[in-house]
Amino acid sequence: MTDETTRWVTSSYSQNGGQCVEVAVPTGRLDTVPVRDSKDPDGPALTFSLAAWAAFVSGVRNGDFPGV
């Protein structure tokens, strides 16, 4: 899953507001996508399958989620 060497990133649209979703940058084989709350970096991470994450990102890009 994730460890101390995992690099987390936020969207360039987040403007460093501190209320962001962070996504782990893959290191090695990627079969899930870890996501966490930037306000709680030591808290749990949700993990999504590659297919689920790709569908979410596609939906955001296509405007399927107004306000996101």
PDB file of N, CA and C in Angstrom:
ATOM      1  N   MET A   1       0.844  -1.173   0.000  1.00  0.00           N
ATOM      2  CA  MET A   1       0.000   0.000   0.000  1.00  0.00           C
ATOM      3  C   MET A   1       0.886   1.232   0.000  1.00  0.00           C
ATOM      4  N   THR A   2       1.088   1.890   1.131  1.00  0.00           N
ATOM      5  CA  THR A   2       1.942   3.073   1.187  1.00  0.00           C
ATOM      6  C   THR A   2       2.904   2.939   2.355  1.00  0.00           C
ATOM      7  N   ASP A   3       3.992   3.696   2.290  1.00  0.00           N
ATOM      8  CA  ASP A   3       4.959   3.702   3.382  1.00  0.00           C
ATOM      9  C   ASP A   3       5.586   5.085   3.464  1.00  0.00           C
ATOM     10  N   GLU A   4       6.652   5.213   4.247  1.00  0.00           N
ATOM     11  CA  GLU A   4       7.288   6.510   4.463  1.00  0.00           C
ATOM     12  C   GLU A   4       7.875   7.096   3.184  1.00  0.00           C
ATOM     13  N   THR A   5       8.185   6.256   2.203  1.00  0.00           N
ATOM     14  CA  THR A   5       8.801   6.746   0.974  1.00  0.00           C
ATOM     15  C   THR A   5       7.777   7.107  -0.101  1.00  0.00           C
ATOM     16  N   THR A   6       6.519   6.884   0.171  1.00  0.00           N
ATOM     17  CA  THR A   6       5.477   7.207  -0.799  1.00  0.00           C
ATOM     18  C   THR A   6       5.388   8.717  -0.970  1.00  0.00           C
ATOM     19  N   ARG A   7       5.354   9.155  -2.213  1.00  0.00           N
ATOM     20  CA  ARG A   7       5.208  10.584  -2.492  1.00  0.00           C
ATOM     21  C   ARG A   7       3.748  10.868  -2.810  1.00  0.00           C
ATOM     22  N   TRP A   8       3.175  11.829  -2.121  1.00  0.00           N
ATOM     23  CA  TRP A   8       1.782  12.198  -2.304  1.00  0.00           C
ATOM     24  C   TRP A   8       1.697  13.527  -3.042  1.00  0.00           C
ATOM     25  N   VAL A   9       0.730  13.659  -3.938  1.00  0.00           N
ATOM     26  CA  VAL A   9       0.552  14.892  -4.701  1.00  0.00           C
ATOM     27  C   VAL A   9      -0.911  15.336  -4.642  1.00  0.00           C
ATOM     28  N   THR A  10      -1.099  16.639  -4.843  1.00  0.00           N
ATOM     29  CA  THR A  10      -2.444  17.201  -4.937  1.00  0.00           C
ATOM     30  C   THR A  10      -2.621  17.798  -6.325  1.00  0.00           C
ATOM     31  N   SER A  11      -3.831  18.078  -6.672  1.00  0.00           N
ATOM     32  CA  SER A  11      -4.124  18.699  -7.960  1.00  0.00           C
ATOM     33  C   SER A  11      -3.515  20.092  -8.029  1.00  0.00           C
ATOM     34  N   SER A  12      -3.080  20.480  -9.207  1.00  0.00           N
ATOM     35  CA  SER A  12      -2.566  21.839  -9.390  1.00  0.00           C
ATOM     36  C   SER A  12      -3.677  22.868  -9.194  1.00  0.00           C
ATOM     37  N   TYR A  13      -4.923  22.442  -9.233  1.00  0.00           N
ATOM     38  CA  TYR A  13      -6.052  23.339  -9.018  1.00  0.00           C
ATOM     39  C   TYR A  13      -6.344  23.574  -7.539  1.00  0.00           C
ATOM     40  N   SER A  14      -5.690  22.844  -6.645  1.00  0.00           N
ATOM     41  CA  SER A  14      -6.003  22.938  -5.219  1.00  0.00           C
ATOM     42  C   SER A  14      -5.504  24.225  -4.586  1.00  0.00           C
ATOM     43  N   GLN A  15      -4.543  24.891  -5.166  1.00  0.00           N
ATOM     44  CA  GLN A  15      -4.019  26.172  -4.700  1.00  0.00           C
ATOM     45  C   GLN A  15      -3.532  26.122  -3.258  1.00  0.00           C
ATOM     46  N   ASN A  16      -3.034  24.991  -2.808  1.00  0.00           N
ATOM     47  CA  ASN A  16      -2.461  24.847  -1.466  1.00  0.00           C
ATOM     48  C   ASN A  16      -3.382  25.342  -0.357  1.00  0.00           C
ATOM     49  N   GLY A  17      -4.675  25.107  -0.503  1.00  0.00           N
ATOM     50  CA  GLY A  17      -5.634  25.551   0.494  1.00  0.00           C
ATOM     51  C   GLY A  17      -5.701  24.669   1.724  1.00  0.00           C
ATOM     52  N   GLY A  18      -5.034  23.519   1.710  1.00  0.00           N
ATOM     53  CA  GLY A  18      -5.022  22.644   2.868  1.00  0.00           C
ATOM     54  C   GLY A  18      -6.227  21.729   2.978  1.00  0.00           C
ATOM     55  N   GLN A  19      -7.168  21.845   2.078  1.00  0.00           N
ATOM     56  CA  GLN A  19      -8.346  20.979   2.096  1.00  0.00           C
ATOM     57  C   GLN A  19      -8.383  20.200   0.789  1.00  0.00           C
ATOM     58  N   CYS A  20      -7.424  19.311   0.664  1.00  0.00           N
ATOM     59  CA  CYS A  20      -7.211  18.637  -0.610  1.00  0.00           C
ATOM     60  C   CYS A  20      -7.279  17.123  -0.461  1.00  0.00           C
ATOM     61  N   VAL A  21      -7.466  16.499  -1.578  1.00  0.00           N
ATOM     62  CA  VAL A  21      -7.311  15.056  -1.685  1.00  0.00           C
ATOM     63  C   VAL A  21      -5.927  14.822  -2.266  1.00  0.00           C
ATOM     64  N   GLU A  22      -5.167  13.941  -1.647  1.00  0.00           N
ATOM     65  CA  GLU A  22      -3.833  13.610  -2.140  1.00  0.00           C
ATOM     66  C   GLU A  22      -3.859  12.215  -2.751  1.00  0.00           C
ATOM     67  N   VAL A  23      -3.096  12.058  -3.819  1.00  0.00           N
ATOM     68  CA  VAL A  23      -2.995  10.782  -4.521  1.00  0.00           C
ATOM     69  C   VAL A  23      -1.545  10.340  -4.471  1.00  0.00           C
ATOM     70  N   ALA A  24      -1.309   9.068  -4.182  1.00  0.00           N
ATOM     71  CA  ALA A  24       0.056   8.542  -4.121  1.00  0.00           C
ATOM     72  C   ALA A  24       0.617   8.382  -5.526  1.00  0.00           C
ATOM     73  N   VAL A  25       1.857   8.824  -5.691  1.00  0.00           N
ATOM     74  CA  VAL A  25       2.565   8.639  -6.958  1.00  0.00           C
ATOM     75  C   VAL A  25       3.059   7.201  -6.993  1.00  0.00           C
ATOM     76  N   PRO A  26       2.793   6.487  -8.078  1.00  0.00           N
ATOM     77  CA  PRO A  26       3.190   5.075  -8.131  1.00  0.00           C
ATOM     78  C   PRO A  26       4.702   4.885  -8.118  1.00  0.00           C
ATOM     79  N   THR A  27       5.125   3.907  -7.346  1.00  0.00           N
ATOM     80  CA  THR A  27       6.530   3.484  -7.338  1.00  0.00           C
ATOM     81  C   THR A  27       6.520   1.980  -7.516  1.00  0.00           C
ATOM     82  N   GLY A  28       6.866   1.522  -8.692  1.00  0.00           N
ATOM     83  CA  GLY A  28       6.819   0.090  -8.960  1.00  0.00           C
ATOM     84  C   GLY A  28       5.488  -0.312  -9.553  1.00  0.00           C
ATOM     85  N   ARG A  29       5.103  -1.538  -9.292  1.00  0.00           N
ATOM     86  CA  ARG A  29       3.860  -2.083  -9.852  1.00  0.00           C
ATOM     87  C   ARG A  29       2.657  -1.386  -9.234  1.00  0.00           C
ATOM     88  N   LEU A  30       1.773  -0.949 -10.081  1.00  0.00           N
ATOM     89  CA  LEU A  30       0.593  -0.239  -9.620  1.00  0.00           C
ATOM     90  C   LEU A  30      -0.648  -1.071  -9.910  1.00  0.00           C
ATOM     91  N   ASP A  31      -1.321  -1.525  -8.856  1.00  0.00           N
ATOM     92  CA  ASP A  31      -2.580  -2.230  -9.062  1.00  0.00           C
ATOM     93  C   ASP A  31      -3.720  -1.556  -8.316  1.00  0.00           C
ATOM     94  N   THR A  32      -3.391  -0.603  -7.452  1.00  0.00           N
ATOM     95  CA  THR A  32      -4.400   0.212  -6.784  1.00  0.00           C
ATOM     96  C   THR A  32      -3.896   1.649  -6.718  1.00  0.00           C
ATOM     97  N   VAL A  33      -4.821   2.564  -6.486  1.00  0.00           N
ATOM     98  CA  VAL A  33      -4.480   3.978  -6.366  1.00  0.00           C
ATOM     99  C   VAL A  33      -4.875   4.435  -4.962  1.00  0.00           C
ATOM    100  N   PRO A  34      -3.886   4.705  -4.087  1.00  0.00           N
ATOM    101  CA  PRO A  34      -4.189   5.202  -2.749  1.00  0.00           C
ATOM    102  C   PRO A  34      -4.529   6.697  -2.785  1.00  0.00           C
ATOM    103  N   VAL A  35      -5.543   7.078  -2.004  1.00  0.00           N
ATOM    104  CA  VAL A  35      -5.998   8.464  -1.919  1.00  0.00           C
ATOM    105  C   VAL A  35      -6.223   8.771  -0.445  1.00  0.00           C
ATOM    106  N   ARG A  36      -5.819   9.982  -0.015  1.00  0.00           N
ATOM    107  CA  ARG A  36      -6.005  10.353   1.391  1.00  0.00           C
ATOM    108  C   ARG A  36      -6.381  11.825   1.517  1.00  0.00           C
ATOM    109  N   ASP A  37      -6.786  12.208   2.712  1.00  0.00           N
ATOM    110  CA  ASP A  37      -7.137  13.583   3.049  1.00  0.00           C
ATOM    111  C   ASP A  37      -5.864  14.313   3.464  1.00  0.00           C
ATOM    112  N   SER A  38      -5.564  15.438   2.826  1.00  0.00           N
ATOM    113  CA  SER A  38      -4.334  16.172   3.144  1.00  0.00           C
ATOM    114  C   SER A  38      -4.336  16.718   4.566  1.00  0.00           C
ATOM    115  N   LYS A  39      -5.510  16.900   5.169  1.00  0.00           N
ATOM    116  CA  LYS A  39      -5.575  17.390   6.543  1.00  0.00           C
ATOM    117  C   LYS A  39      -5.212  16.312   7.557  1.00  0.00           C
ATOM    118  N   ASP A  40      -5.184  15.057   7.129  1.00  0.00           N
ATOM    119  CA  ASP A  40      -4.887  13.943   8.028  1.00  0.00           C
ATOM    120  C   ASP A  40      -3.899  12.989   7.355  1.00  0.00           C
ATOM    121  N   PRO A  41      -2.650  13.448   7.132  1.00  0.00           N
ATOM    122  CA  PRO A  41      -1.689  12.623   6.393  1.00  0.00           C
ATOM    123  C   PRO A  41      -1.329  11.308   7.080  1.00  0.00           C
ATOM    124  N   ASP A  42      -1.532  11.224   8.389  1.00  0.00           N
ATOM    125  CA  ASP A  42      -1.253   9.977   9.099  1.00  0.00           C
ATOM    126  C   ASP A  42      -2.489   9.092   9.211  1.00  0.00           C
ATOM    127  N   GLY A  43      -3.596   9.571   8.696  1.00  0.00           N
ATOM    128  CA  GLY A  43      -4.836   8.810   8.740  1.00  0.00           C
ATOM    129  C   GLY A  43      -4.883   7.757   7.649  1.00  0.00           C
ATOM    130  N   PRO A  44      -6.010   7.100   7.532  1.00  0.00           N
ATOM    131  CA  PRO A  44      -6.140   6.024   6.549  1.00  0.00           C
ATOM    132  C   PRO A  44      -6.177   6.555   5.120  1.00  0.00           C
ATOM    133  N   ALA A  45      -5.779   5.716   4.211  1.00  0.00           N
ATOM    134  CA  ALA A  45      -5.888   6.015   2.780  1.00  0.00           C
ATOM    135  C   ALA A  45      -6.938   5.086   2.186  1.00  0.00           C
ATOM    136  N   LEU A  46      -7.759   5.622   1.331  1.00  0.00           N
ATOM    137  CA  LEU A  46      -8.692   4.798   0.570  1.00  0.00           C
ATOM    138  C   LEU A  46      -7.945   4.276  -0.643  1.00  0.00           C
ATOM    139  N   THR A  47      -8.225   3.070  -1.051  1.00  0.00           N
ATOM    140  CA  THR A  47      -7.581   2.539  -2.253  1.00  0.00           C
ATOM    141  C   THR A  47      -8.652   2.185  -3.278  1.00  0.00           C
ATOM    142  N   PHE A  48      -8.352   2.526  -4.519  1.00  0.00           N
ATOM    143  CA  PHE A  48      -9.259   2.286  -5.623  1.00  0.00           C
ATOM    144  C   PHE A  48      -8.564   1.441  -6.669  1.00  0.00           C
ATOM    145  N   SER A  49      -9.318   0.613  -7.350  1.00  0.00           N
ATOM    146  CA  SER A  49      -8.745  -0.153  -8.462  1.00  0.00           C
ATOM    147  C   SER A  49      -8.364   0.830  -9.567  1.00  0.00           C
ATOM    148  N   LEU A  50      -7.462   0.394 -10.439  1.00  0.00           N
ATOM    149  CA  LEU A  50      -7.067   1.247 -11.558  1.00  0.00           C
ATOM    150  C   LEU A  50      -8.273   1.627 -12.410  1.00  0.00           C
ATOM    151  N   ALA A  51      -9.157   0.668 -12.648  1.00  0.00           N
ATOM    152  CA  ALA A  51     -10.337   0.930 -13.475  1.00  0.00           C
ATOM    153  C   ALA A  51     -11.252   1.965 -12.821  1.00  0.00           C
ATOM    154  N   ALA A  52     -11.465   1.842 -11.520  1.00  0.00           N
ATOM    155  CA  ALA A  52     -12.326   2.793 -10.818  1.00  0.00           C
ATOM    156  C   ALA A  52     -11.713   4.188 -10.831  1.00  0.00           C
ATOM    157  N   TRP A  53     -10.407   4.288 -10.589  1.00  0.00           N
ATOM    158  CA  TRP A  53      -9.742   5.589 -10.582  1.00  0.00           C
ATOM    159  C   TRP A  53      -9.775   6.216 -11.980  1.00  0.00           C
ATOM    160  N   ALA A  54      -9.515   5.421 -13.004  1.00  0.00           N
ATOM    161  CA  ALA A  54      -9.543   5.928 -14.379  1.00  0.00           C
ATOM    162  C   ALA A  54     -10.938   6.434 -14.738  1.00  0.00           C
ATOM    163  N   ALA A  55     -11.970   5.722 -14.310  1.00  0.00           N
ATOM    164  CA  ALA A  55     -13.342   6.150 -14.582  1.00  0.00           C
ATOM    165  C   ALA A  55     -13.645   7.463 -13.868  1.00  0.00           C
ATOM    166  N   PHE A  56     -13.180   7.611 -12.634  1.00  0.00           N
ATOM    167  CA  PHE A  56     -13.382   8.852 -11.884  1.00  0.00           C
ATOM    168  C   PHE A  56     -12.686  10.023 -12.576  1.00  0.00           C
ATOM    169  N   VAL A  57     -11.417   9.855 -12.914  1.00  0.00           N
ATOM    170  CA  VAL A  57     -10.656  10.922 -13.569  1.00  0.00           C
ATOM    171  C   VAL A  57     -11.302  11.292 -14.905  1.00  0.00           C
ATOM    172  N   SER A  58     -11.728  10.297 -15.655  1.00  0.00           N
ATOM    173  CA  SER A  58     -12.399  10.555 -16.930  1.00  0.00           C
ATOM    174  C   SER A  58     -13.682  11.355 -16.715  1.00  0.00           C
ATOM    175  N   GLY A  59     -14.434  10.985 -15.698  1.00  0.00           N
ATOM    176  CA  GLY A  59     -15.667  11.703 -15.389  1.00  0.00           C
ATOM    177  C   GLY A  59     -15.418  13.148 -15.002  1.00  0.00           C
ATOM    178  N   VAL A  60     -14.375  13.389 -14.212  1.00  0.00           N
ATOM    179  CA  VAL A  60     -14.026  14.762 -13.840  1.00  0.00           C
ATOM    180  C   VAL A  60     -13.659  15.558 -15.090  1.00  0.00           C
ATOM    181  N   ARG A  61     -12.822  14.974 -15.925  1.00  0.00           N
ATOM    182  CA  ARG A  61     -12.395  15.668 -17.153  1.00  0.00           C
ATOM    183  C   ARG A  61     -13.562  15.947 -18.098  1.00  0.00           C
ATOM    184  N   ASN A  62     -14.545  15.056 -18.103  1.00  0.00           N
ATOM    185  CA  ASN A  62     -15.700  15.217 -18.990  1.00  0.00           C
ATOM    186  C   ASN A  62     -16.792  16.102 -18.405  1.00  0.00           C
ATOM    187  N   GLY A  63     -16.600  16.571 -17.169  1.00  0.00           N
ATOM    188  CA  GLY A  63     -17.595  17.431 -16.544  1.00  0.00           C
ATOM    189  C   GLY A  63     -18.787  16.692 -15.988  1.00  0.00           C
ATOM    190  N   ASP A  64     -18.622  15.399 -15.711  1.00  0.00           N
ATOM    191  CA  ASP A  64     -19.725  14.597 -15.185  1.00  0.00           C
ATOM    192  C   ASP A  64     -20.067  14.906 -13.729  1.00  0.00           C
ATOM    193  N   PHE A  65     -19.194  15.625 -13.033  1.00  0.00           N
ATOM    194  CA  PHE A  65     -19.402  15.960 -11.624  1.00  0.00           C
ATOM    195  C   PHE A  65     -19.376  17.476 -11.481  1.00  0.00           C
ATOM    196  N   PRO A  66     -20.503  18.142 -11.655  1.00  0.00           N
ATOM    197  CA  PRO A  66     -20.517  19.602 -11.564  1.00  0.00           C
ATOM    198  C   PRO A  66     -19.928  20.083 -10.236  1.00  0.00           C
ATOM    199  N   GLY A  67     -19.095  21.089 -10.319  1.00  0.00           N
ATOM    200  CA  GLY A  67     -18.493  21.653  -9.118  1.00  0.00           C
ATOM    201  C   GLY A  67     -17.206  20.995  -8.691  1.00  0.00           C
ATOM    202  N   VAL A  68     -16.781  19.947  -9.394  1.00  0.00           N
ATOM    203  CA  VAL A  68     -15.528  19.266  -9.037  1.00  0.00           C
ATOM    204  C   VAL A  68     -14.438  19.729  -9.964  1.00  0.00           C
TER     205      VAL A  68
END
